[in-house]
Amino acid sequence: MTTAPLLYVCVRPQQLAAVAEYESFRAAARLSPDRLATLDLVNEPLPDDVLDRYSGFFIGGSPFNVTDPESAKPDVQRRLEADLEKLATAVLDSGRGAGMFTCYSIGILTRLLGGEVSRGFPEDTGPVGVELTDQGQVDPIFGTIARRFTALTAHKEGAAAVPPGATLLATNEGCPVQAYRVGERLYATQFHPEPTTRAFTERMAVYRDDGYFPANDYDTVAGRVLAASVTEPVRLLHAFARRFGAAED
């Protein structure tokens, strides 16, 4: 029996960045286009039969912030946050499907599970060091990569502790919750696991004026990114696809 494809869930309003992010996830997971479908959650609601159609989900990043005041959030942000909560709840309740929530969407999952997300743990745009916990080293997905590795970050919020029921898989000093697992089928990363350094600098250009770094410092920040080695994070996505989808070796 053929395994159902995986699904990339887009939560970025900027189409240029969204298209490139899909390609980054697809390349990292080593999936052909017919094995990684796309749902533009910014413009489309979550289908009721999503668990029947897909074996797992990659949730991308976004310029939105979970900690923005609810009164200040646009309607589309409130809707997609509700849909992502619905998706996570469906996986947890049914034991079907699997999810990898990244960057912005880790905050949605943390809040859903009763954890606290705040503006107290931002990280600058660029490469950071991350270390697996003891639990991370034996996790079926995170245990496939090096204990210490470099990842790419750009976020304005984070968490000091994992939400109730979650297992901390990766951490660093600047943002203590870099990755966790809930149950056996839901994963979340604060860092971006999918882009190459080149793809990340191209995304930086899209968000140059969004406050992640001084716009005039683009060349300097991009230089630091391009000089980094980020071989390990992409391996997480391939391991996820092999475990829950149909990755190509």
Protein backbone atom coordinates (compact mmCIF):
# COMPACT_ATOMS: atom_id res chain seq x y z
CA MET A 1 0.00 0.00 0.00
CA THR A 2 1.36 3.43 -0.94
CA THR A 3 1.93 5.81 1.97
CA ALA A 4 -0.02 9.06 1.75
CA PRO A 5 2.11 12.11 0.88
CA LEU A 6 3.33 14.67 3.37
CA LEU A 7 1.96 18.21 3.42
CA TYR A 8 3.77 21.55 3.65
CA VAL A 9 1.51 24.04 5.44
CA CYS A 10 2.27 27.64 4.47
CA VAL A 11 1.60 30.38 7.03
CA ARG A 12 3.53 33.14 5.22
CA PRO A 13 1.59 35.94 3.47
CA GLN A 14 4.64 36.72 1.31
CA GLN A 15 4.37 34.40 -1.70
CA LEU A 16 7.99 34.71 -2.79
CA ALA A 17 9.18 33.51 0.61
CA ALA A 18 6.47 30.83 0.76
CA VAL A 19 7.39 29.26 -2.57
CA ALA A 20 11.07 29.17 -1.63
CA GLU A 21 10.26 27.71 1.79
CA TYR A 22 8.32 24.86 0.19
CA GLU A 23 11.31 24.06 -2.00
CA SER A 24 13.60 24.11 1.03
CA PHE A 25 11.41 21.65 2.92
CA ARG A 26 11.07 19.42 -0.13
CA ALA A 27 14.82 19.34 -0.80
CA ALA A 28 15.74 18.77 2.84
CA ALA A 29 13.23 15.94 3.22
CA ARG A 30 14.38 14.47 -0.13
CA LEU A 31 10.84 14.30 -1.45
CA SER A 32 9.69 14.52 -5.04
CA PRO A 33 6.99 17.15 -5.72
CA ASP A 34 4.27 14.49 -5.82
CA ARG A 35 5.27 13.36 -2.29
CA LEU A 36 5.02 16.82 -0.69
CA ALA A 37 1.76 18.66 -1.25
CA THR A 38 1.09 22.29 -0.33
CA LEU A 39 -1.65 23.97 1.68
CA ASP A 40 -1.63 27.77 1.72
CA LEU A 41 -3.26 28.28 5.09
CA VAL A 42 -3.12 32.04 4.64
CA ASN A 43 -5.69 31.81 1.85
CA GLU A 44 -7.33 28.42 2.41
CA PRO A 45 -8.96 26.85 5.49
CA LEU A 46 -7.75 23.56 6.92
CA PRO A 47 -9.62 20.70 5.19
CA ASP A 48 -11.75 18.53 7.46
CA ASP A 49 -10.24 15.39 5.95
CA VAL A 50 -6.60 16.47 6.26
CA LEU A 51 -5.63 13.43 8.36
CA ASP A 52 -7.13 11.13 5.74
CA ARG A 53 -5.19 12.72 2.89
CA TYR A 54 -1.70 13.17 4.37
CA SER A 55 0.61 11.11 6.54
CA GLY A 56 2.35 14.10 8.14
CA PHE A 57 2.83 17.84 8.07
CA PHE A 58 5.63 20.39 7.92
CA ILE A 59 4.49 23.74 9.31
CA GLY A 60 6.60 26.63 8.01
CA GLY A 61 7.57 29.91 9.61
CA SER A 62 5.90 33.31 9.42
CA PRO A 63 6.40 36.99 10.25
CA PHE A 64 3.42 36.69 12.62
CA ASN A 65 4.02 36.45 16.38
CA VAL A 66 1.92 34.44 18.83
CA THR A 67 2.58 37.07 21.52
CA ASP A 68 1.03 39.91 19.52
CA PRO A 69 -2.06 41.25 21.34
CA GLU A 70 -5.15 39.42 20.11
CA SER A 71 -6.81 42.74 19.33
CA ALA A 72 -3.91 43.64 17.02
CA LYS A 73 -3.85 40.35 15.10
CA PRO A 74 -5.39 40.44 11.62
CA ASP A 75 -8.29 38.10 10.96
CA VAL A 76 -6.11 35.82 8.83
CA GLN A 77 -3.64 35.31 11.67
CA ARG A 78 -6.34 34.43 14.18
CA ARG A 79 -7.87 31.97 11.72
CA LEU A 80 -4.66 30.19 10.83
CA GLU A 81 -3.62 29.95 14.48
CA ALA A 82 -6.97 28.31 15.23
CA ASP A 83 -6.50 25.93 12.29
CA LEU A 84 -3.00 24.94 13.43
CA GLU A 85 -4.32 24.27 16.93
CA LYS A 86 -7.06 22.14 15.35
CA LEU A 87 -4.46 20.19 13.35
CA ALA A 88 -2.23 19.56 16.37
CA THR A 89 -5.21 18.51 18.50
CA ALA A 90 -6.40 16.11 15.80
CA VAL A 91 -3.00 14.40 15.66
CA LEU A 92 -2.76 14.15 19.44
CA ASP A 93 -6.32 12.88 19.89
CA SER A 94 -6.39 10.43 17.02
CA GLY A 95 -2.84 9.05 17.04
CA ARG A 96 -2.82 9.56 13.27
CA GLY A 97 -0.55 11.73 11.18
CA ALA A 98 2.52 13.54 12.47
CA GLY A 99 3.66 17.14 12.60
CA MET A 100 6.83 19.23 12.57
CA PHE A 101 5.97 22.74 13.81
CA THR A 102 8.79 25.22 13.11
CA CYS A 103 9.68 28.76 14.21
CA TYR A 104 6.45 30.79 14.60
CA SER A 105 4.31 27.68 14.84
CA ILE A 106 6.23 26.30 17.85
CA GLY A 107 4.62 29.14 19.77
CA ILE A 108 1.15 28.08 18.67
CA LEU A 109 1.77 24.52 19.82
CA THR A 110 3.32 25.67 23.11
CA ARG A 111 0.34 27.90 23.88
CA LEU A 112 -2.12 25.14 22.97
CA LEU A 113 -0.42 22.76 25.42
CA GLY A 114 -0.55 25.28 28.28
CA GLY A 115 3.00 26.61 28.03
CA GLU A 116 4.13 30.23 28.10
CA VAL A 117 5.53 32.10 25.10
CA SER A 118 7.10 35.50 25.69
CA ARG A 119 9.27 38.19 24.08
CA GLY A 120 11.98 37.30 26.58
CA PHE A 121 13.87 34.84 24.37
CA PRO A 122 14.46 36.35 20.93
CA GLU A 123 17.43 35.38 18.78
CA ASP A 124 19.15 37.49 16.17
CA THR A 125 19.05 36.57 12.52
CA GLY A 126 21.87 34.18 11.74
CA PRO A 127 23.64 31.02 12.89
CA VAL A 128 23.49 29.84 16.52
CA GLY A 129 24.85 26.83 18.37
CA VAL A 130 22.32 24.23 19.55
CA GLU A 131 22.83 21.13 21.70
CA LEU A 132 20.69 18.03 22.04
CA THR A 133 19.51 17.00 25.49
CA ASP A 134 19.95 13.44 26.71
CA GLN A 135 16.38 12.77 25.55
CA GLY A 136 17.18 14.31 22.18
CA GLN A 137 20.08 11.96 21.66
CA VAL A 138 17.82 8.92 21.93
CA ASP A 139 14.88 10.38 20.02
CA PRO A 140 14.17 8.46 16.77
CA ILE A 141 14.48 11.67 14.72
CA PHE A 142 16.81 13.99 16.63
CA GLY A 143 19.04 11.10 17.57
CA THR A 144 20.08 10.81 13.93
CA ILE A 145 22.08 14.08 14.00
CA ALA A 146 25.15 15.39 15.84
CA ARG A 147 24.75 16.31 19.51
CA ARG A 148 26.07 19.83 18.90
CA PHE A 149 25.20 21.61 15.68
CA THR A 150 24.63 25.00 14.08
CA ALA A 151 21.16 26.16 13.08
CA LEU A 152 19.65 29.32 11.62
CA THR A 153 17.31 31.50 13.64
CA ALA A 154 15.36 34.73 13.32
CA HIS A 155 12.60 35.17 15.88
CA LYS A 156 11.21 37.71 18.33
CA GLU A 157 9.66 35.34 20.88
CA GLY A 158 10.36 32.03 22.57
CA ALA A 159 9.89 29.97 25.71
CA ALA A 160 11.85 29.33 28.90
CA ALA A 161 10.41 25.84 29.42
CA VAL A 162 8.62 23.19 27.41
CA PRO A 163 4.84 23.01 27.82
CA PRO A 164 3.26 20.37 30.08
CA GLY A 165 3.66 16.87 28.68
CA ALA A 166 6.45 17.75 26.24
CA THR A 167 10.00 16.39 26.14
CA LEU A 168 12.85 18.86 25.60
CA LEU A 169 15.07 17.68 22.75
CA ALA A 170 17.39 20.62 22.04
CA THR A 171 18.45 23.79 23.80
CA ASN A 172 20.90 26.68 23.95
CA GLU A 173 21.61 29.59 26.26
CA GLY A 174 19.81 32.29 24.29
CA CYS A 175 16.54 30.42 23.86
CA PRO A 176 16.23 27.39 26.18
CA VAL A 177 13.51 25.65 24.18
CA GLN A 178 14.96 24.96 20.75
CA ALA A 179 13.04 21.74 20.09
CA TYR A 180 10.64 19.36 21.80
CA ARG A 181 8.39 16.38 21.16
CA VAL A 182 4.82 15.80 22.33
CA GLY A 183 3.80 12.18 22.42
CA GLU A 184 5.34 10.19 19.59
CA ARG A 185 4.09 12.14 16.58
CA LEU A 186 4.38 15.89 17.17
CA TYR A 187 7.69 17.76 16.99
CA ALA A 188 8.50 21.45 17.26
CA THR A 189 11.63 23.49 16.56
CA GLN A 190 12.35 27.13 17.33
CA PHE A 191 15.15 27.20 14.77
CA HIS A 192 14.59 26.84 11.04
CA PRO A 193 15.46 23.23 10.06
CA GLU A 194 14.83 23.55 6.33
CA PRO A 195 16.90 26.27 4.57
CA THR A 196 20.36 26.19 3.14
CA THR A 197 22.40 29.26 3.97
CA ARG A 198 21.77 30.65 0.47
CA ALA A 199 18.02 30.15 0.77
CA PHE A 200 18.07 31.81 4.18
CA THR A 201 19.78 34.95 2.83
CA GLU A 202 17.19 35.13 0.05
CA ARG A 203 14.44 34.97 2.69
CA MET A 204 16.25 37.67 4.67
CA ALA A 205 15.94 39.95 1.64
CA VAL A 206 12.15 39.52 1.65
CA TYR A 207 11.95 40.47 5.34
CA ARG A 208 14.72 43.06 5.28
CA ASP A 209 12.45 45.81 6.67
CA ASP A 210 10.54 43.68 9.20
CA GLY A 211 12.75 44.35 12.22
CA TYR A 212 14.66 41.08 12.42
CA PHE A 213 17.94 42.93 11.82
CA PRO A 214 18.89 46.50 10.84
CA ALA A 215 18.16 46.79 7.12
CA ASN A 216 21.50 48.46 6.49
CA ASP A 217 23.28 45.47 8.02
CA TYR A 218 21.95 42.99 5.46
CA ASP A 219 25.30 42.34 3.80
CA THR A 220 27.08 41.80 7.13
CA VAL A 221 24.41 39.45 8.48
CA ALA A 222 24.18 37.59 5.17
CA GLY A 223 27.93 37.12 5.21
CA ARG A 224 27.76 35.44 8.63
CA VAL A 225 24.97 33.18 7.40
CA LEU A 226 26.79 32.14 4.23
CA ALA A 227 29.93 31.32 6.22
CA ALA A 228 28.05 28.93 8.53
CA SER A 229 27.77 25.16 8.17
CA VAL A 230 24.18 24.01 8.72
CA THR A 231 24.35 20.39 7.62
CA GLU A 232 22.53 18.86 10.61
CA PRO A 233 19.07 20.55 10.78
CA VAL A 234 18.05 19.44 7.28
CA ARG A 235 18.76 15.86 8.28
CA LEU A 236 15.93 16.12 10.81
CA LEU A 237 13.44 16.65 8.02
CA HIS A 238 14.72 13.67 6.08
CA ALA A 239 14.47 11.53 9.22
CA PHE A 240 10.92 12.80 9.81
CA ALA A 241 9.95 12.03 6.21
CA ARG A 242 11.42 8.53 6.44
CA ARG A 243 9.57 7.81 9.67
CA PHE A 244 6.18 9.30 8.79
CA GLY A 245 6.13 9.67 5.01
CA ALA A 246 7.97 8.29 2.03
CA ALA A 247 11.37 9.94 1.77
CA GLU A 248 13.68 9.06 -1.05
CA ASP A 249 17.10 7.87 0.13
